[in-house]
PDB file of N, CA and C in Angstrom:
ATOM      1  N   MET A   1      14.058  -0.674 -12.643  1.00  0.00           N
ATOM      2  CA  MET A   1      13.663   0.498 -12.074  1.00  0.00           C
ATOM      3  C   MET A   1      11.789   0.252 -12.301  1.00  0.00           C
ATOM      4  N   LYS A   2      11.157  -0.914 -13.631  1.00  0.00           N
ATOM      5  CA  LYS A   2       9.928  -1.009 -13.912  1.00  0.00           C
ATOM      6  C   LYS A   2       9.097  -1.795 -12.929  1.00  0.00           C
ATOM      7  N   SER A   3       9.980  -2.662 -12.440  1.00  0.00           N
ATOM      8  CA  SER A   3       9.614  -3.530 -11.219  1.00  0.00           C
ATOM      9  C   SER A   3       8.614  -2.534  -9.969  1.00  0.00           C
ATOM     10  N   TRP A   4       9.992  -1.636  -9.506  1.00  0.00           N
ATOM     11  CA  TRP A   4       9.310  -0.609  -8.477  1.00  0.00           C
ATOM     12  C   TRP A   4       8.203  -0.463  -8.893  1.00  0.00           C
ATOM     13  N   MET A   5       8.283   0.880 -10.460  1.00  0.00           N
ATOM     14  CA  MET A   5       7.148   1.779 -10.466  1.00  0.00           C
ATOM     15  C   MET A   5       6.007   0.179 -10.614  1.00  0.00           C
ATOM     16  N   LEU A   6       5.956  -0.659 -10.643  1.00  0.00           N
ATOM     17  CA  LEU A   6       4.466  -1.651 -11.276  1.00  0.00           C
ATOM     18  C   LEU A   6       4.466  -1.870  -9.711  1.00  0.00           C
ATOM     19  N   LEU A   7       5.211  -1.659  -8.504  1.00  0.00           N
ATOM     20  CA  LEU A   7       5.205  -2.394  -7.706  1.00  0.00           C
ATOM     21  C   LEU A   7       4.268  -0.670  -6.655  1.00  0.00           C
ATOM     22  N   LEU A   8       4.663   0.222  -7.128  1.00  0.00           N
ATOM     23  CA  LEU A   8       4.373   1.894  -6.509  1.00  0.00           C
ATOM     24  C   LEU A   8       3.080   1.433  -6.710  1.00  0.00           C
ATOM     25  N   CYS A   9       2.920   1.486  -8.213  1.00  0.00           N
ATOM     26  CA  CYS A   9       1.457   1.543  -8.448  1.00  0.00           C
ATOM     27  C   CYS A   9       0.303  -0.144  -7.908  1.00  0.00           C
ATOM     28  N   ALA A  10       0.794  -1.135  -7.522  1.00  0.00           N
ATOM     29  CA  ALA A  10       0.195  -1.771  -6.555  1.00  0.00           C
ATOM     30  C   ALA A  10      -0.480  -1.630  -5.458  1.00  0.00           C
ATOM     31  N   VAL A  11       0.727  -0.804  -5.098  1.00  0.00           N
ATOM     32  CA  VAL A  11       0.203   0.094  -3.526  1.00  0.00           C
ATOM     33  C   VAL A  11      -0.739   0.912  -3.833  1.00  0.00           C
ATOM     34  N   VAL A  12      -0.848   1.935  -4.748  1.00  0.00           N
ATOM     35  CA  VAL A  12      -1.293   3.073  -4.982  1.00  0.00           C
ATOM     36  C   VAL A  12      -3.644   1.600  -5.505  1.00  0.00           C
ATOM     37  N   CYS A  13      -3.096   0.993  -5.901  1.00  0.00           N
ATOM     38  CA  CYS A  13      -4.698   0.565  -6.552  1.00  0.00           C
ATOM     39  C   CYS A  13      -5.256  -0.463  -5.102  1.00  0.00           C
ATOM     40  N   GLU A  14      -4.198  -0.995  -3.978  1.00  0.00           N
ATOM     41  CA  GLU A  14      -4.566  -1.329  -2.989  1.00  0.00           C
ATOM     42  C   GLU A  14      -5.140  -0.236  -2.327  1.00  0.00           C
ATOM     43  N   VAL A  15      -4.308   0.575  -1.440  1.00  0.00           N
ATOM     44  CA  VAL A  15      -4.803   1.762  -0.932  1.00  0.00           C
ATOM     45  C   VAL A  15      -6.689   2.296  -1.310  1.00  0.00           C
ATOM     46  N   VAL A  16      -5.994   2.406  -2.961  1.00  0.00           N
ATOM     47  CA  VAL A  16      -7.349   3.281  -3.548  1.00  0.00           C
ATOM     48  C   VAL A  16      -8.506   1.596  -2.682  1.00  0.00           C
ATOM     49  N   GLY A  17      -8.378   0.238  -3.357  1.00  0.00           N
ATOM     50  CA  GLY A  17      -9.687  -0.704  -3.290  1.00  0.00           C
ATOM     51  C   GLY A  17      -9.436  -0.591  -1.354  1.00  0.00           C
ATOM     52  N   THR A  18      -9.091   0.032  -0.217  1.00  0.00           N
ATOM     53  CA  THR A  18      -9.175  -0.450   1.069  1.00  0.00           C
ATOM     54  C   THR A  18      -9.846   1.060   1.303  1.00  0.00           C
ATOM     55  N   SER A  19      -9.600   2.257   0.498  1.00  0.00           N
ATOM     56  CA  SER A  19     -10.510   3.675   0.854  1.00  0.00           C
ATOM     57  C   SER A  19     -12.067   3.084   0.123  1.00  0.00           C
ATOM     58  N   ALA A  20     -11.656   1.943  -0.909  1.00  0.00           N
ATOM     59  CA  ALA A  20     -13.833   2.548  -1.197  1.00  0.00           C
ATOM     60  C   ALA A  20     -14.305   0.928  -0.246  1.00  0.00           C
ATOM     61  N   ILE A  21     -13.876   0.139   0.354  1.00  0.00           N
ATOM     62  CA  ILE A  21     -14.250  -0.812   1.835  1.00  0.00           C
ATOM     63  C   ILE A  21     -14.817   0.434   2.462  1.00  0.00           C
ATOM     64  N   LYS A  22     -14.389   1.513   3.039  1.00  0.00           N
ATOM     65  CA  LYS A  22     -15.051   2.102   3.490  1.00  0.00           C
ATOM     66  C   LYS A  22     -16.534   3.044   2.839  1.00  0.00           C
ATOM     67  N   TYR A  23     -16.323   3.322   1.631  1.00  0.00           N
ATOM     68  CA  TYR A  23     -17.540   3.586   1.524  1.00  0.00           C
ATOM     69  C   TYR A  23     -18.640   2.963   0.869  1.00  0.00           C
ATOM     70  N   SER A  24     -18.027   1.432   0.610  1.00  0.00           N
ATOM     71  CA  SER A  24     -18.970   0.406   0.195  1.00  0.00           C
ATOM     72  C   SER A  24     -20.241  -0.063   1.417  1.00  0.00           C
ATOM     73  N   GLU A  25     -20.081  -0.033   3.207  1.00  0.00           N
ATOM     74  CA  GLU A  25     -21.078   0.437   3.866  1.00  0.00           C
ATOM     75  C   GLU A  25     -21.574  -1.881   3.605  1.00  0.00           C
ATOM     76  N   GLY A  26     -19.962  -1.724   3.796  1.00  0.00           N
ATOM     77  CA  GLY A  26     -20.444  -3.534   3.815  1.00  0.00           C
ATOM     78  C   GLY A  26     -20.987  -4.051   2.512  1.00  0.00           C
ATOM     79  N   PHE A  27     -20.320  -3.656   1.651  1.00  0.00           N
ATOM     80  CA  PHE A  27     -20.481  -4.266  -0.078  1.00  0.00           C
ATOM     81  C   PHE A  27     -21.672  -4.349  -0.146  1.00  0.00           C
ATOM     82  N   THR A  28     -22.846  -3.062   0.481  1.00  0.00           N
ATOM     83  CA  THR A  28     -24.225  -2.420  -0.142  1.00  0.00           C
ATOM     84  C   THR A  28     -24.091  -1.813  -0.622  1.00  0.00           C
ATOM     85  N   LYS A  29     -23.311  -1.224  -1.329  1.00  0.00           N
ATOM     86  CA  LYS A  29     -23.154   0.142  -3.028  1.00  0.00           C
ATOM     87  C   LYS A  29     -22.279  -0.234  -3.732  1.00  0.00           C
ATOM     88  N   ILE A  30     -22.992  -0.097  -4.498  1.00  0.00           N
ATOM     89  CA  ILE A  30     -22.447  -1.119  -5.870  1.00  0.00           C
ATOM     90  C   ILE A  30     -21.499  -0.066  -5.898  1.00  0.00           C
ATOM     91  N   VAL A  31     -20.800   0.951  -6.636  1.00  0.00           N
ATOM     92  CA  VAL A  31     -19.918   1.925  -7.532  1.00  0.00           C
ATOM     93  C   VAL A  31     -18.767   1.839  -6.106  1.00  0.00           C
ATOM     94  N   PRO A  32     -19.636   1.781  -4.939  1.00  0.00           N
ATOM     95  CA  PRO A  32     -17.280   1.519  -4.452  1.00  0.00           C
ATOM     96  C   PRO A  32     -17.119  -0.207  -4.458  1.00  0.00           C
ATOM     97  N   THR A  33     -18.301  -0.493  -3.867  1.00  0.00           N
ATOM     98  CA  THR A  33     -17.396  -2.555  -3.948  1.00  0.00           C
ATOM     99  C   THR A  33     -16.993  -2.831  -5.154  1.00  0.00           C
ATOM    100  N   VAL A  34     -17.645  -2.315  -6.459  1.00  0.00           N
ATOM    101  CA  VAL A  34     -16.790  -2.340  -7.617  1.00  0.00           C
ATOM    102  C   VAL A  34     -15.189  -2.126  -7.491  1.00  0.00           C
ATOM    103  N   ILE A  35     -15.371  -0.853  -7.338  1.00  0.00           N
ATOM    104  CA  ILE A  35     -13.894   0.125  -7.057  1.00  0.00           C
ATOM    105  C   ILE A  35     -13.188  -0.987  -6.282  1.00  0.00           C
ATOM    106  N   VAL A  36     -13.196  -1.672  -5.183  1.00  0.00           N
ATOM    107  CA  VAL A  36     -13.161  -2.652  -4.520  1.00  0.00           C
ATOM    108  C   VAL A  36     -12.790  -3.703  -5.090  1.00  0.00           C
ATOM    109  N   PHE A  37     -12.951  -4.460  -5.940  1.00  0.00           N
ATOM    110  CA  PHE A  37     -12.690  -5.559  -6.355  1.00  0.00           C
ATOM    111  C   PHE A  37     -11.678  -5.039  -7.565  1.00  0.00           C
ATOM    112  N   ILE A  38     -11.633  -4.142  -7.744  1.00  0.00           N
ATOM    113  CA  ILE A  38     -11.064  -3.723  -9.598  1.00  0.00           C
ATOM    114  C   ILE A  38      -9.448  -3.047  -8.489  1.00  0.00           C
ATOM    115  N   GLY A  39      -9.767  -2.314  -8.073  1.00  0.00           N
ATOM    116  CA  GLY A  39      -8.524  -1.547  -7.028  1.00  0.00           C
ATOM    117  C   GLY A  39      -7.559  -3.626  -6.498  1.00  0.00           C
ATOM    118  N   PHE A  40      -8.376  -4.010  -5.866  1.00  0.00           N
ATOM    119  CA  PHE A  40      -7.409  -4.525  -5.280  1.00  0.00           C
ATOM    120  C   PHE A  40      -6.880  -6.265  -6.804  1.00  0.00           C
ATOM    121  N   GLY A  41      -7.753  -5.890  -7.257  1.00  0.00           N
ATOM    122  CA  GLY A  41      -7.652  -7.335  -8.459  1.00  0.00           C
ATOM    123  C   GLY A  41      -6.519  -6.564  -9.084  1.00  0.00           C
ATOM    124  N   VAL A  42      -6.706  -5.681  -9.516  1.00  0.00           N
ATOM    125  CA  VAL A  42      -5.248  -4.797 -10.647  1.00  0.00           C
ATOM    126  C   VAL A  42      -3.935  -5.085  -9.313  1.00  0.00           C
ATOM    127  N   ALA A  43      -4.303  -4.262  -8.199  1.00  0.00           N
ATOM    128  CA  ALA A  43      -3.045  -4.629  -7.288  1.00  0.00           C
ATOM    129  C   ALA A  43      -2.317  -6.022  -6.906  1.00  0.00           C
ATOM    130  N   PHE A  44      -3.193  -6.543  -6.827  1.00  0.00           N
ATOM    131  CA  PHE A  44      -2.447  -8.683  -6.980  1.00  0.00           C
ATOM    132  C   PHE A  44      -2.288  -8.594  -8.342  1.00  0.00           C
ATOM    133  N   TYR A  45      -2.222  -8.339  -9.358  1.00  0.00           N
ATOM    134  CA  TYR A  45      -2.120  -8.738 -10.462  1.00  0.00           C
ATOM    135  C   TYR A  45      -0.683  -7.869 -10.786  1.00  0.00           C
ATOM    136  N   LEU A  46      -0.762  -6.004 -10.722  1.00  0.00           N
ATOM    137  CA  LEU A  46       0.564  -6.108 -10.545  1.00  0.00           C
ATOM    138  C   LEU A  46       1.466  -6.187  -9.581  1.00  0.00           C
ATOM    139  N   LEU A  47       1.325  -7.267  -8.609  1.00  0.00           N
ATOM    140  CA  LEU A  47       2.698  -7.280  -6.814  1.00  0.00           C
ATOM    141  C   LEU A  47       3.206  -8.581  -7.909  1.00  0.00           C
ATOM    142  N   SER A  48       2.081  -9.656  -8.403  1.00  0.00           N
ATOM    143  CA  SER A  48       2.708 -10.830  -8.970  1.00  0.00           C
ATOM    144  C   SER A  48       3.597 -10.835 -10.030  1.00  0.00           C
ATOM    145  N   ILE A  49       3.060  -9.866 -11.173  1.00  0.00           N
ATOM    146  CA  ILE A  49       4.521  -9.015 -12.211  1.00  0.00           C
ATOM    147  C   ILE A  49       5.698  -8.552 -11.247  1.00  0.00           C
ATOM    148  N   THR A  50       5.852  -8.248 -10.290  1.00  0.00           N
ATOM    149  CA  THR A  50       6.645  -7.431  -9.694  1.00  0.00           C
ATOM    150  C   THR A  50       7.673  -8.882  -8.886  1.00  0.00           C
ATOM    151  N   LEU A  51       7.343  -9.633  -8.914  1.00  0.00           N
ATOM    152  CA  LEU A  51       7.920 -11.048  -7.892  1.00  0.00           C
ATOM    153  C   LEU A  51       8.596 -11.705  -8.627  1.00  0.00           C
ATOM    154  N   LYS A  52       8.859 -11.544 -10.293  1.00  0.00           N
ATOM    155  CA  LYS A  52       9.740 -11.972 -11.089  1.00  0.00           C
ATOM    156  C   LYS A  52      11.056 -11.587 -10.638  1.00  0.00           C
ATOM    157  N   VAL A  53      10.820 -10.175 -10.372  1.00  0.00           N
ATOM    158  CA  VAL A  53      11.537  -9.675 -10.369  1.00  0.00           C
ATOM    159  C   VAL A  53      12.705  -9.288  -8.739  1.00  0.00           C
ATOM    160  N   ILE A  54      11.712  -8.985  -7.983  1.00  0.00           N
ATOM    161  CA  ILE A  54      11.738  -8.071  -6.683  1.00  0.00           C
ATOM    162  C   ILE A  54      11.262  -9.743  -5.626  1.00  0.00           C
ATOM    163  N   PRO A  55      12.319  -9.766  -4.680  1.00  0.00           N
ATOM    164  CA  PRO A  55      12.060 -10.909  -3.988  1.00  0.00           C
ATOM    165  C   PRO A  55      10.884 -10.173  -2.859  1.00  0.00           C
ATOM    166  N   ILE A  56       9.700 -11.627  -2.611  1.00  0.00           N
ATOM    167  CA  ILE A  56       8.825 -11.469  -2.100  1.00  0.00           C
ATOM    168  C   ILE A  56       9.339 -10.384  -0.799  1.00  0.00           C
ATOM    169  N   GLY A  57       9.802 -11.457  -0.309  1.00  0.00           N
ATOM    170  CA  GLY A  57       9.822 -10.660   1.450  1.00  0.00           C
ATOM    171  C   GLY A  57      10.619  -8.643   1.210  1.00  0.00           C
ATOM    172  N   MET A  58      11.021  -8.800   0.161  1.00  0.00           N
ATOM    173  CA  MET A  58      10.997  -7.527   0.234  1.00  0.00           C
ATOM    174  C   MET A  58      10.107  -6.573  -0.743  1.00  0.00           C
ATOM    175  N   ALA A  59       9.739  -7.296  -1.332  1.00  0.00           N
ATOM    176  CA  ALA A  59       8.347  -6.466  -2.657  1.00  0.00           C
ATOM    177  C   ALA A  59       7.011  -6.026  -1.410  1.00  0.00           C
ATOM    178  N   TYR A  60       6.792  -7.308  -0.461  1.00  0.00           N
ATOM    179  CA  TYR A  60       5.909  -7.553   0.660  1.00  0.00           C
ATOM    180  C   TYR A  60       6.223  -6.384   2.037  1.00  0.00           C
ATOM    181  N   ALA A  61       7.041  -6.235   2.159  1.00  0.00           N
ATOM    182  CA  ALA A  61       7.726  -5.191   3.025  1.00  0.00           C
ATOM    183  C   ALA A  61       7.565  -3.786   2.543  1.00  0.00           C
ATOM    184  N   VAL A  62       7.571  -3.828   1.279  1.00  0.00           N
ATOM    185  CA  VAL A  62       6.882  -2.139   1.191  1.00  0.00           C
ATOM    186  C   VAL A  62       5.806  -2.038   0.388  1.00  0.00           C
ATOM    187  N   TRP A  63       5.397  -3.110   0.056  1.00  0.00           N
ATOM    188  CA  TRP A  63       4.097  -3.440  -0.104  1.00  0.00           C
ATOM    189  C   TRP A  63       3.396  -2.702   1.532  1.00  0.00           C
ATOM    190  N   SER A  64       3.493  -3.432   2.199  1.00  0.00           N
ATOM    191  CA  SER A  64       2.450  -3.492   3.878  1.00  0.00           C
ATOM    192  C   SER A  64       3.118  -2.426   4.156  1.00  0.00           C
ATOM    193  N   GLY A  65       4.268  -1.652   4.182  1.00  0.00           N
ATOM    194  CA  GLY A  65       4.675  -0.400   4.872  1.00  0.00           C
ATOM    195  C   GLY A  65       4.350   0.952   4.122  1.00  0.00           C
ATOM    196  N   LEU A  66       4.359   1.132   2.985  1.00  0.00           N
ATOM    197  CA  LEU A  66       4.208   2.027   2.162  1.00  0.00           C
ATOM    198  C   LEU A  66       2.205   1.726   2.204  1.00  0.00           C
ATOM    199  N   GLY A  67       1.683   0.552   2.137  1.00  0.00           N
ATOM    200  CA  GLY A  67      -0.122   0.531   2.509  1.00  0.00           C
ATOM    201  C   GLY A  67      -0.404   1.009   3.551  1.00  0.00           C
ATOM    202  N   ILE A  68       0.496   0.646   4.941  1.00  0.00           N
ATOM    203  CA  ILE A  68      -0.277   1.410   5.733  1.00  0.00           C
ATOM    204  C   ILE A  68       0.077   2.630   6.068  1.00  0.00           C
ATOM    205  N   VAL A  69       1.159   3.443   5.811  1.00  0.00           N
ATOM    206  CA  VAL A  69       1.440   5.300   6.050  1.00  0.00           C
ATOM    207  C   VAL A  69       0.380   5.623   4.796  1.00  0.00           C
ATOM    208  N   LEU A  70       0.309   5.490   3.555  1.00  0.00           N
ATOM    209  CA  LEU A  70      -0.823   5.726   2.584  1.00  0.00           C
ATOM    210  C   LEU A  70      -2.379   5.933   3.441  1.00  0.00           C
ATOM    211  N   ILE A  71      -2.688   4.419   3.182  1.00  0.00           N
ATOM    212  CA  ILE A  71      -3.990   4.418   4.289  1.00  0.00           C
ATOM    213  C   ILE A  71      -4.313   5.421   5.253  1.00  0.00           C
ATOM    214  N   SER A  72      -3.456   5.212   6.530  1.00  0.00           N
ATOM    215  CA  SER A  72      -3.409   6.059   7.396  1.00  0.00           C
ATOM    216  C   SER A  72      -3.701   7.489   7.632  1.00  0.00           C
ATOM    217  N   VAL A  73      -2.564   7.858   6.195  1.00  0.00           N
ATOM    218  CA  VAL A  73      -3.115   9.454   6.090  1.00  0.00           C
ATOM    219  C   VAL A  73      -4.318  10.008   5.268  1.00  0.00           C
ATOM    220  N   ILE A  74      -4.404   8.606   4.740  1.00  0.00           N
ATOM    221  CA  ILE A  74      -6.254   9.226   3.629  1.00  0.00           C
ATOM    222  C   ILE A  74      -7.038   9.190   5.245  1.00  0.00           C
ATOM    223  N   GLY A  75      -7.032   8.021   5.724  1.00  0.00           N
ATOM    224  CA  GLY A  75      -7.953   8.251   7.057  1.00  0.00           C
ATOM    225  C   GLY A  75      -7.907   9.459   7.529  1.00  0.00           C
ATOM    226  N   HIS A  76      -6.557  10.016   7.904  1.00  0.00           N
ATOM    227  CA  HIS A  76      -6.596  10.848   9.001  1.00  0.00           C
ATOM    228  C   HIS A  76      -7.420  12.881   8.271  1.00  0.00           C
ATOM    229  N   PHE A  77      -7.124  12.252   6.991  1.00  0.00           N
ATOM    230  CA  PHE A  77      -7.855  13.590   6.143  1.00  0.00           C
ATOM    231  C   PHE A  77      -8.949  13.232   5.273  1.00  0.00           C
ATOM    232  N   VAL A  78      -9.196  12.347   5.044  1.00  0.00           N
ATOM    233  CA  VAL A  78     -10.344  11.564   4.182  1.00  0.00           C
ATOM    234  C   VAL A  78     -11.398  11.615   5.080  1.00  0.00           C
ATOM    235  N   PHE A  79     -11.132  10.995   5.961  1.00  0.00           N
ATOM    236  CA  PHE A  79     -12.118   9.659   6.561  1.00  0.00           C
ATOM    237  C   PHE A  79     -12.400  11.163   8.425  1.00  0.00           C
ATOM    238  N   GLN A  80     -11.680  11.757   8.249  1.00  0.00           N
ATOM    239  CA  GLN A  80     -11.502  12.666   9.959  1.00  0.00           C
ATOM    240  C   GLN A  80     -10.772  11.942  10.750  1.00  0.00           C
ATOM    241  N   GLN A  81      -9.895  10.135  10.443  1.00  0.00           N
ATOM    242  CA  GLN A  81      -9.738   9.395  11.788  1.00  0.00           C
ATOM    243  C   GLN A  81      -8.445  10.398  12.906  1.00  0.00           C
ATOM    244  N   ARG A  82      -8.556  11.250  13.398  1.00  0.00           N
ATOM    245  CA  ARG A  82      -7.459  12.190  13.657  1.00  0.00           C
ATOM    246  C   ARG A  82      -6.754  10.015  14.581  1.00  0.00           C
ATOM    247  N   LEU A  83      -5.149  11.039  13.964  1.00  0.00           N
ATOM    248  CA  LEU A  83      -4.087  10.519  14.035  1.00  0.00           C
ATOM    249  C   LEU A  83      -3.492  10.565  15.569  1.00  0.00           C
ATOM    250  N   ASP A  84      -2.784  10.138  16.746  1.00  0.00           N
ATOM    251  CA  ASP A  84      -1.818  10.496  18.098  1.00  0.00           C
ATOM    252  C   ASP A  84      -0.741  10.798  17.471  1.00  0.00           C
ATOM    253  N   THR A  85       0.443  11.429  18.242  1.00  0.00           N
ATOM    254  CA  THR A  85       1.627  10.902  18.457  1.00  0.00           C
ATOM    255  C   THR A  85       2.362   9.791  18.293  1.00  0.00           C
ATOM    256  N   PRO A  86       1.507   9.208  19.413  1.00  0.00           N
ATOM    257  CA  PRO A  86       2.520   7.490  18.485  1.00  0.00           C
ATOM    258  C   PRO A  86       2.491   7.072  17.474  1.00  0.00           C
ATOM    259  N   ALA A  87       0.733   7.136  16.605  1.00  0.00           N
ATOM    260  CA  ALA A  87       0.745   6.913  15.547  1.00  0.00           C
ATOM    261  C   ALA A  87       1.222   7.406  14.610  1.00  0.00           C
ATOM    262  N   PHE A  88       1.313   8.916  14.857  1.00  0.00           N
ATOM    263  CA  PHE A  88       2.536   9.704  13.403  1.00  0.00           C
ATOM    264  C   PHE A  88       4.106   8.982  13.994  1.00  0.00           C
ATOM    265  N   ILE A  89       4.773   8.261  15.760  1.00  0.00           N
ATOM    266  CA  ILE A  89       5.898   8.265  15.694  1.00  0.00           C
ATOM    267  C   ILE A  89       5.904   6.716  14.881  1.00  0.00           C
ATOM    268  N   GLY A  90       5.228   5.918  15.273  1.00  0.00           N
ATOM    269  CA  GLY A  90       4.807   3.988  14.426  1.00  0.00           C
ATOM    270  C   GLY A  90       4.896   4.388  13.236  1.00  0.00           C
ATOM    271  N   MET A  91       4.003   5.416  12.309  1.00  0.00           N
ATOM    272  CA  MET A  91       4.722   5.697  10.555  1.00  0.00           C
ATOM    273  C   MET A  91       5.454   5.937  10.399  1.00  0.00           C
ATOM    274  N   SER A  92       5.825   6.813  10.796  1.00  0.00           N
ATOM    275  CA  SER A  92       7.589   7.058  10.308  1.00  0.00           C
ATOM    276  C   SER A  92       8.786   6.131  10.458  1.00  0.00           C
ATOM    277  N   PHE A  93       8.199   5.253  11.807  1.00  0.00           N
ATOM    278  CA  PHE A  93       9.253   4.456  11.947  1.00  0.00           C
ATOM    279  C   PHE A  93       9.093   3.226  10.788  1.00  0.00           C
ATOM    280  N   ILE A  94       7.979   2.875  10.384  1.00  0.00           N
ATOM    281  CA  ILE A  94       7.479   2.205   9.076  1.00  0.00           C
ATOM    282  C   ILE A  94       8.083   2.904   7.971  1.00  0.00           C
ATOM    283  N   LEU A  95       7.806   3.897   7.849  1.00  0.00           N
ATOM    284  CA  LEU A  95       8.470   4.544   6.331  1.00  0.00           C
ATOM    285  C   LEU A  95       9.591   4.528   6.230  1.00  0.00           C
ATOM    286  N   ALA A  96      10.552   4.688   7.759  1.00  0.00           N
ATOM    287  CA  ALA A  96      12.083   4.655   7.845  1.00  0.00           C
ATOM    288  C   ALA A  96      12.613   2.881   7.698  1.00  0.00           C
ATOM    289  N   GLY A  97      11.926   2.468   8.007  1.00  0.00           N
ATOM    290  CA  GLY A  97      12.284   0.965   7.386  1.00  0.00           C
ATOM    291  C   GLY A  97      12.404   0.654   6.110  1.00  0.00           C
ATOM    292  N   VAL A  98      11.292   0.886   5.268  1.00  0.00           N
ATOM    293  CA  VAL A  98      11.104   0.882   4.432  1.00  0.00           C
ATOM    294  C   VAL A  98      12.223   1.441   3.264  1.00  0.00           C
ATOM    295  N   ILE A  99      12.627   2.886   3.623  1.00  0.00           N
ATOM    296  CA  ILE A  99      13.640   3.421   3.496  1.00  0.00           C
ATOM    297  C   ILE A  99      15.071   2.841   3.311  1.00  0.00           C
ATOM    298  N   ILE A 100      15.144   2.501   4.951  1.00  0.00           N
ATOM    299  CA  ILE A 100      16.642   2.035   5.102  1.00  0.00           C
ATOM    300  C   ILE A 100      16.450   0.359   3.831  1.00  0.00           C
ATOM    301  N   MET A 101      16.113   0.034   4.175  1.00  0.00           N
ATOM    302  CA  MET A 101      15.587  -1.297   2.962  1.00  0.00           C
ATOM    303  C   MET A 101      16.349  -1.181   1.524  1.00  0.00           C
ATOM    304  N   GLN A 102      15.710   0.203   1.239  1.00  0.00           N
ATOM    305  CA  GLN A 102      15.659   0.513  -0.518  1.00  0.00           C
ATOM    306  C   GLN A 102      17.154   1.046  -0.806  1.00  0.00           C
ATOM    307  N   VAL A 103      17.387   1.694   0.457  1.00  0.00           N
ATOM    308  CA  VAL A 103      18.607   2.106   0.449  1.00  0.00           C
ATOM    309  C   VAL A 103      20.410   1.702   0.724  1.00  0.00           C
ATOM    310  N   PHE A 104      19.896   0.647   2.109  1.00  0.00           N
ATOM    311  CA  PHE A 104      21.159  -0.366   2.597  1.00  0.00           C
ATOM    312  C   PHE A 104      20.830  -1.594   2.575  1.00  0.00           C
ATOM    313  N   SER A 105      19.782  -2.225   1.619  1.00  0.00           N
ATOM    314  CA  SER A 105      19.885  -3.920   2.022  1.00  0.00           C
ATOM    315  C   SER A 105      20.133  -3.810   0.737  1.00  0.00           C
ATOM    316  N   LYS A 106      21.378  -5.527   0.835  1.00  0.00           N
ATOM    317  CA  LYS A 106      21.559  -5.931  -0.767  1.00  0.00           C
ATOM    318  C   LYS A 106      20.349  -6.487  -1.636  1.00  0.00           C
ATOM    319  N   ALA A 107      19.334  -7.083  -0.401  1.00  0.00           N
ATOM    320  CA  ALA A 107      18.389  -7.742  -1.192  1.00  0.00           C
ATOM    321  C   ALA A 107      17.637  -7.162  -2.430  1.00  0.00           C
ATOM    322  N   VAL A 108      17.700  -5.545  -2.661  1.00  0.00           N
ATOM    323  CA  VAL A 108      17.099  -5.717  -3.333  1.00  0.00           C
ATOM    324  C   VAL A 108      18.110  -4.842  -4.510  1.00  0.00           C
ATOM    325  N   ALA A 109      18.613  -5.327  -4.716  1.00  0.00           N
ATOM    326  CA  ALA A 109      20.037  -4.890  -5.499  1.00  0.00           C
ATOM    327  C   ALA A 109      19.642  -5.916  -6.691  1.00  0.00           C
ATOM    328  N   HIS A 110      19.208  -5.726  -7.735  1.00  0.00           N
ATOM    329  CA  HIS A 110      19.201  -6.859  -8.974  1.00  0.00           C
ATOM    330  C   HIS A 110      20.274  -5.890 -10.539  1.00  0.00           C
TER     331      HIS A 110
END
């Protein structure tokens, strides 16, 4: 369970870093640029710890799936980048895939 919490924290740090890229304006603003490097640094460190327990394919599927959904939601609400119905449907499939893997896959059981 600890590894899954670390993976969730890694995803959050990655999403923070990705969001800061938008504010960095091509890495010309120092504070957002520092947040990018710290966010990604912590994210990859936490991901590396989780890979001691969680299979890499499973960890990366969760990492990328949740990251896509979270950054899209942030883009929608924070950056006013409106998503259309097909985008929401696609994200729901991604989220459903992550949930299905977590609930039904034997590869997750440790």
